[in-house]
């Protein structure tokens, strides 16, 4: 499995994104993207994987049911979106019982 990761808005390559491969909810391996946003998993066995893409300040991206075959190269392109700051804050609205 190989691919590249870009910013969803600027389309620029994203370095230092952690890409983790899970099989049957077990962490198999992780890699970190290079300065051109590229990543490669060399040693994954044939099977079905979940790939998780994470970088601080961005929303996590999950790709379920990625099928890996030993005789094929699987190429991916992932776009990551910046996390909204207000997603992490409590609601500004307060409700009071007036009775």
N, C-alpha and C. Protein backbone atom coordinates (compact mmCIF):
# COMPACT_ATOMS: atom_id res chain seq x y z
N UNK A 1 0.85 -1.18 0.00
CA UNK A 1 0.00 0.00 0.00
C UNK A 1 0.89 1.23 0.00
N UNK A 2 0.59 2.15 -0.88
CA UNK A 2 1.33 3.40 -0.95
C UNK A 2 0.34 4.50 -1.26
N UNK A 3 0.77 5.74 -1.07
CA UNK A 3 -0.11 6.84 -1.40
C UNK A 3 0.46 8.17 -1.00
N UNK A 4 -0.37 9.18 -1.17
CA UNK A 4 0.04 10.50 -0.72
C UNK A 4 -1.15 11.20 -0.07
N UNK A 5 -0.81 12.13 0.81
CA UNK A 5 -1.82 12.86 1.59
C UNK A 5 -1.63 14.34 1.34
N UNK A 6 -2.75 15.02 1.04
CA UNK A 6 -2.70 16.45 0.79
C UNK A 6 -3.72 17.17 1.66
N UNK A 7 -3.48 18.46 1.85
CA UNK A 7 -4.43 19.31 2.56
C UNK A 7 -5.65 19.48 1.67
N UNK A 8 -6.83 19.30 2.22
CA UNK A 8 -8.07 19.37 1.45
C UNK A 8 -8.33 20.73 0.83
N UNK A 9 -7.83 21.79 1.43
CA UNK A 9 -8.06 23.14 0.90
C UNK A 9 -6.97 23.56 -0.07
N UNK A 10 -5.72 23.48 0.37
CA UNK A 10 -4.62 23.99 -0.44
C UNK A 10 -4.11 22.97 -1.46
N UNK A 11 -4.43 21.69 -1.25
CA UNK A 11 -3.94 20.58 -2.10
C UNK A 11 -2.43 20.40 -2.00
N UNK A 12 -1.81 21.00 -0.97
CA UNK A 12 -0.37 20.84 -0.77
C UNK A 12 -0.10 19.55 -0.01
N UNK A 13 1.03 18.88 -0.30
CA UNK A 13 1.39 17.65 0.41
C UNK A 13 1.52 17.89 1.92
N UNK A 14 1.13 16.89 2.70
CA UNK A 14 1.19 16.99 4.15
C UNK A 14 2.22 16.02 4.71
N UNK A 15 3.24 16.57 5.37
CA UNK A 15 4.25 15.74 6.02
C UNK A 15 3.81 15.42 7.45
N UNK A 16 4.46 14.42 8.02
CA UNK A 16 4.27 14.04 9.42
C UNK A 16 2.84 13.64 9.76
N UNK A 17 2.14 13.03 8.80
CA UNK A 17 0.83 12.44 9.07
C UNK A 17 1.09 10.99 9.48
N UNK A 18 0.49 10.56 10.60
CA UNK A 18 0.62 9.18 11.04
C UNK A 18 -0.43 8.33 10.33
N UNK A 19 0.01 7.26 9.67
CA UNK A 19 -0.88 6.34 8.97
C UNK A 19 -0.74 5.00 9.68
N UNK A 20 -1.86 4.52 10.24
CA UNK A 20 -1.84 3.27 11.00
C UNK A 20 -2.70 2.24 10.30
N UNK A 21 -2.17 1.02 10.17
CA UNK A 21 -2.92 -0.09 9.57
C UNK A 21 -3.38 -1.04 10.68
N UNK A 22 -4.67 -1.34 10.68
CA UNK A 22 -5.26 -2.28 11.65
C UNK A 22 -5.86 -3.46 10.88
N UNK A 23 -5.67 -4.66 11.42
CA UNK A 23 -6.39 -5.82 10.90
C UNK A 23 -7.11 -6.45 12.09
N UNK A 24 -8.39 -6.70 11.92
CA UNK A 24 -9.22 -7.26 13.00
C UNK A 24 -9.02 -6.47 14.30
N UNK A 25 -9.04 -5.15 14.20
CA UNK A 25 -8.89 -4.22 15.33
C UNK A 25 -7.56 -4.35 16.06
N UNK A 26 -6.57 -4.98 15.43
CA UNK A 26 -5.24 -5.09 16.01
C UNK A 26 -4.30 -4.19 15.22
N UNK A 27 -3.55 -3.37 15.93
CA UNK A 27 -2.61 -2.47 15.27
C UNK A 27 -1.48 -3.30 14.67
N UNK A 28 -1.31 -3.21 13.37
CA UNK A 28 -0.28 -3.99 12.68
C UNK A 28 1.00 -3.19 12.50
N UNK A 29 0.86 -1.99 11.97
CA UNK A 29 2.04 -1.20 11.63
C UNK A 29 1.62 0.25 11.43
N UNK A 30 2.57 1.17 11.62
CA UNK A 30 2.29 2.56 11.28
C UNK A 30 3.50 3.16 10.58
N UNK A 31 3.23 4.16 9.75
CA UNK A 31 4.27 4.91 9.06
C UNK A 31 3.93 6.39 9.17
N UNK A 32 4.91 7.23 8.87
CA UNK A 32 4.72 8.68 8.90
C UNK A 32 5.06 9.22 7.52
N UNK A 33 4.22 10.11 7.01
CA UNK A 33 4.45 10.64 5.66
C UNK A 33 5.73 11.48 5.62
N UNK A 34 6.36 11.48 4.43
CA UNK A 34 7.56 12.27 4.23
C UNK A 34 7.19 13.71 3.87
N UNK A 35 8.19 14.50 3.51
CA UNK A 35 7.94 15.93 3.23
C UNK A 35 7.06 16.15 2.01
N UNK A 36 6.90 15.13 1.15
CA UNK A 36 6.03 15.23 -0.03
C UNK A 36 4.68 14.57 0.21
N UNK A 37 4.38 14.23 1.47
CA UNK A 37 3.09 13.64 1.82
C UNK A 37 2.96 12.18 1.44
N UNK A 38 4.07 11.52 1.12
CA UNK A 38 4.02 10.13 0.67
C UNK A 38 4.18 9.16 1.84
N UNK A 39 3.52 8.00 1.69
CA UNK A 39 3.69 6.92 2.66
C UNK A 39 3.70 5.58 1.91
N UNK A 40 4.37 4.59 2.53
CA UNK A 40 4.43 3.25 1.94
C UNK A 40 4.40 2.23 3.07
N UNK A 41 3.54 1.21 2.93
CA UNK A 41 3.58 0.03 3.79
C UNK A 41 4.19 -1.08 2.95
N UNK A 42 5.38 -1.53 3.31
CA UNK A 42 6.07 -2.57 2.54
C UNK A 42 5.69 -3.98 2.95
N UNK A 43 5.41 -4.19 4.20
CA UNK A 43 5.35 -5.55 4.72
C UNK A 43 3.99 -5.95 5.26
N UNK A 44 2.91 -5.45 4.70
CA UNK A 44 1.59 -5.89 5.15
C UNK A 44 1.24 -7.20 4.46
N UNK A 45 0.70 -8.13 5.25
CA UNK A 45 0.28 -9.41 4.70
C UNK A 45 -1.03 -9.24 3.94
N UNK A 46 -1.35 -10.20 3.09
CA UNK A 46 -2.62 -10.20 2.37
C UNK A 46 -3.75 -10.18 3.39
N UNK A 47 -4.77 -9.37 3.13
CA UNK A 47 -5.91 -9.31 4.04
C UNK A 47 -6.68 -8.02 3.90
N UNK A 48 -7.63 -7.83 4.81
CA UNK A 48 -8.47 -6.64 4.84
C UNK A 48 -8.01 -5.78 6.01
N UNK A 49 -7.78 -4.51 5.73
CA UNK A 49 -7.26 -3.59 6.74
C UNK A 49 -8.13 -2.36 6.88
N UNK A 50 -8.00 -1.74 8.05
CA UNK A 50 -8.55 -0.40 8.26
C UNK A 50 -7.34 0.52 8.36
N UNK A 51 -7.32 1.59 7.57
CA UNK A 51 -6.23 2.56 7.61
C UNK A 51 -6.73 3.85 8.26
N UNK A 52 -5.96 4.35 9.21
CA UNK A 52 -6.33 5.57 9.94
C UNK A 52 -5.23 6.61 9.71
N UNK A 53 -5.66 7.80 9.28
CA UNK A 53 -4.75 8.91 8.97
C UNK A 53 -4.97 10.00 10.01
N UNK A 54 -3.91 10.39 10.73
CA UNK A 54 -4.06 11.37 11.81
C UNK A 54 -2.93 12.39 11.80
N UNK A 55 -3.32 13.64 12.04
CA UNK A 55 -2.35 14.72 12.24
C UNK A 55 -3.01 15.77 13.13
N UNK A 56 -2.25 16.27 14.08
CA UNK A 56 -2.79 17.28 14.99
C UNK A 56 -3.29 18.48 14.21
N UNK A 57 -4.49 18.95 14.56
CA UNK A 57 -5.09 20.11 13.90
C UNK A 57 -5.97 19.73 12.71
N UNK A 58 -6.03 18.42 12.40
CA UNK A 58 -6.84 17.94 11.27
C UNK A 58 -7.81 16.86 11.74
N UNK A 59 -8.90 16.73 11.01
CA UNK A 59 -9.86 15.67 11.32
C UNK A 59 -9.27 14.32 10.91
N UNK A 60 -9.49 13.33 11.76
CA UNK A 60 -9.01 11.99 11.47
C UNK A 60 -9.75 11.42 10.26
N UNK A 61 -9.02 10.73 9.38
CA UNK A 61 -9.61 10.09 8.20
C UNK A 61 -9.46 8.58 8.39
N UNK A 62 -10.56 7.84 8.16
CA UNK A 62 -10.54 6.38 8.30
C UNK A 62 -10.99 5.77 6.98
N UNK A 63 -10.24 4.79 6.50
CA UNK A 63 -10.63 4.02 5.31
C UNK A 63 -10.82 2.58 5.75
N UNK A 64 -12.06 2.11 5.71
CA UNK A 64 -12.40 0.75 6.13
C UNK A 64 -12.26 -0.22 4.96
N UNK A 65 -12.06 -1.47 5.28
CA UNK A 65 -12.09 -2.57 4.30
C UNK A 65 -11.18 -2.35 3.09
N UNK A 66 -9.93 -1.98 3.38
CA UNK A 66 -8.94 -1.85 2.32
C UNK A 66 -8.34 -3.25 2.10
N UNK A 67 -8.52 -3.76 0.89
CA UNK A 67 -8.06 -5.12 0.58
C UNK A 67 -6.62 -5.08 0.07
N UNK A 68 -5.74 -5.82 0.74
CA UNK A 68 -4.33 -5.89 0.36
C UNK A 68 -4.06 -7.26 -0.25
N UNK A 69 -3.46 -7.25 -1.43
CA UNK A 69 -3.07 -8.49 -2.10
C UNK A 69 -1.58 -8.43 -2.36
N UNK A 70 -0.90 -9.56 -2.22
CA UNK A 70 0.56 -9.57 -2.32
C UNK A 70 1.07 -9.21 -3.70
N UNK A 71 0.32 -9.51 -4.75
CA UNK A 71 0.82 -9.27 -6.10
C UNK A 71 0.35 -7.95 -6.71
N UNK A 72 -0.25 -7.09 -5.91
CA UNK A 72 -0.76 -5.82 -6.43
C UNK A 72 -0.22 -4.65 -5.62
N UNK A 73 -0.01 -3.53 -6.31
CA UNK A 73 0.29 -2.28 -5.62
C UNK A 73 -1.01 -1.51 -5.48
N UNK A 74 -1.30 -1.07 -4.29
CA UNK A 74 -2.53 -0.33 -4.02
C UNK A 74 -2.14 1.12 -3.74
N UNK A 75 -2.61 2.04 -4.59
CA UNK A 75 -2.24 3.45 -4.49
C UNK A 75 -3.44 4.24 -3.95
N UNK A 76 -3.20 5.11 -2.97
CA UNK A 76 -4.28 5.92 -2.38
C UNK A 76 -3.91 7.40 -2.44
N UNK A 77 -4.94 8.23 -2.52
CA UNK A 77 -4.76 9.68 -2.38
C UNK A 77 -5.78 10.14 -1.34
N UNK A 78 -5.30 10.72 -0.28
CA UNK A 78 -6.15 11.13 0.84
C UNK A 78 -6.09 12.64 0.98
N UNK A 79 -7.26 13.27 1.15
CA UNK A 79 -7.32 14.70 1.46
C UNK A 79 -7.77 14.85 2.90
N UNK A 80 -7.03 15.64 3.66
CA UNK A 80 -7.38 15.86 5.06
C UNK A 80 -7.90 17.29 5.23
N UNK A 81 -8.89 17.43 6.09
CA UNK A 81 -9.54 18.73 6.34
C UNK A 81 -9.14 19.21 7.74
N UNK A 82 -8.85 20.49 7.83
CA UNK A 82 -8.52 21.05 9.15
C UNK A 82 -9.70 20.91 10.09
N UNK A 83 -9.39 20.61 11.35
CA UNK A 83 -10.43 20.51 12.38
C UNK A 83 -10.92 21.91 12.71
N UNK A 84 -12.22 22.02 12.91
CA UNK A 84 -12.79 23.31 13.30
C UNK A 84 -12.53 23.51 14.78
N UNK A 85 -12.00 24.67 15.13
CA UNK A 85 -11.70 24.97 16.52
C UNK A 85 -12.93 24.87 17.41
N UNK A 86 -14.08 25.26 16.88
CA UNK A 86 -15.27 25.26 17.73
C UNK A 86 -15.82 23.86 17.97
N UNK A 87 -15.34 22.86 17.24
CA UNK A 87 -15.76 21.48 17.51
C UNK A 87 -15.32 21.03 18.90
N UNK A 88 -14.25 21.63 19.41
CA UNK A 88 -13.67 21.17 20.66
C UNK A 88 -14.17 21.96 21.87
N UNK A 89 -14.90 23.03 21.64
CA UNK A 89 -15.35 23.89 22.73
C UNK A 89 -16.77 23.54 23.13
N UNK A 90 -17.11 23.78 24.40
CA UNK A 90 -18.50 23.55 24.81
C UNK A 90 -19.43 24.56 24.15
N UNK A 91 -20.68 24.22 24.10
CA UNK A 91 -21.67 25.10 23.48
C UNK A 91 -21.72 26.44 24.21
N UNK A 92 -21.84 27.55 23.46
CA UNK A 92 -21.95 28.86 24.11
C UNK A 92 -23.34 29.09 24.71
N UNK A 93 -24.29 28.21 24.39
CA UNK A 93 -25.67 28.39 24.88
C UNK A 93 -25.82 27.72 26.23
N UNK A 94 -26.50 28.42 27.13
CA UNK A 94 -26.78 27.86 28.44
C UNK A 94 -28.29 27.87 28.63
N UNK A 95 -28.79 26.84 29.25
CA UNK A 95 -30.23 26.73 29.49
C UNK A 95 -30.48 26.73 30.98
N UNK A 96 -31.46 27.53 31.38
CA UNK A 96 -31.77 27.65 32.79
C UNK A 96 -33.22 27.23 33.01
N UNK A 97 -33.46 26.59 34.12
CA UNK A 97 -34.82 26.21 34.51
C UNK A 97 -35.45 27.44 35.15
N UNK A 98 -36.54 27.93 34.54
CA UNK A 98 -37.14 29.18 35.03
C UNK A 98 -38.24 28.96 36.05
N UNK A 99 -38.49 27.73 36.41
CA UNK A 99 -39.58 27.51 37.38
C UNK A 99 -39.11 27.63 38.79
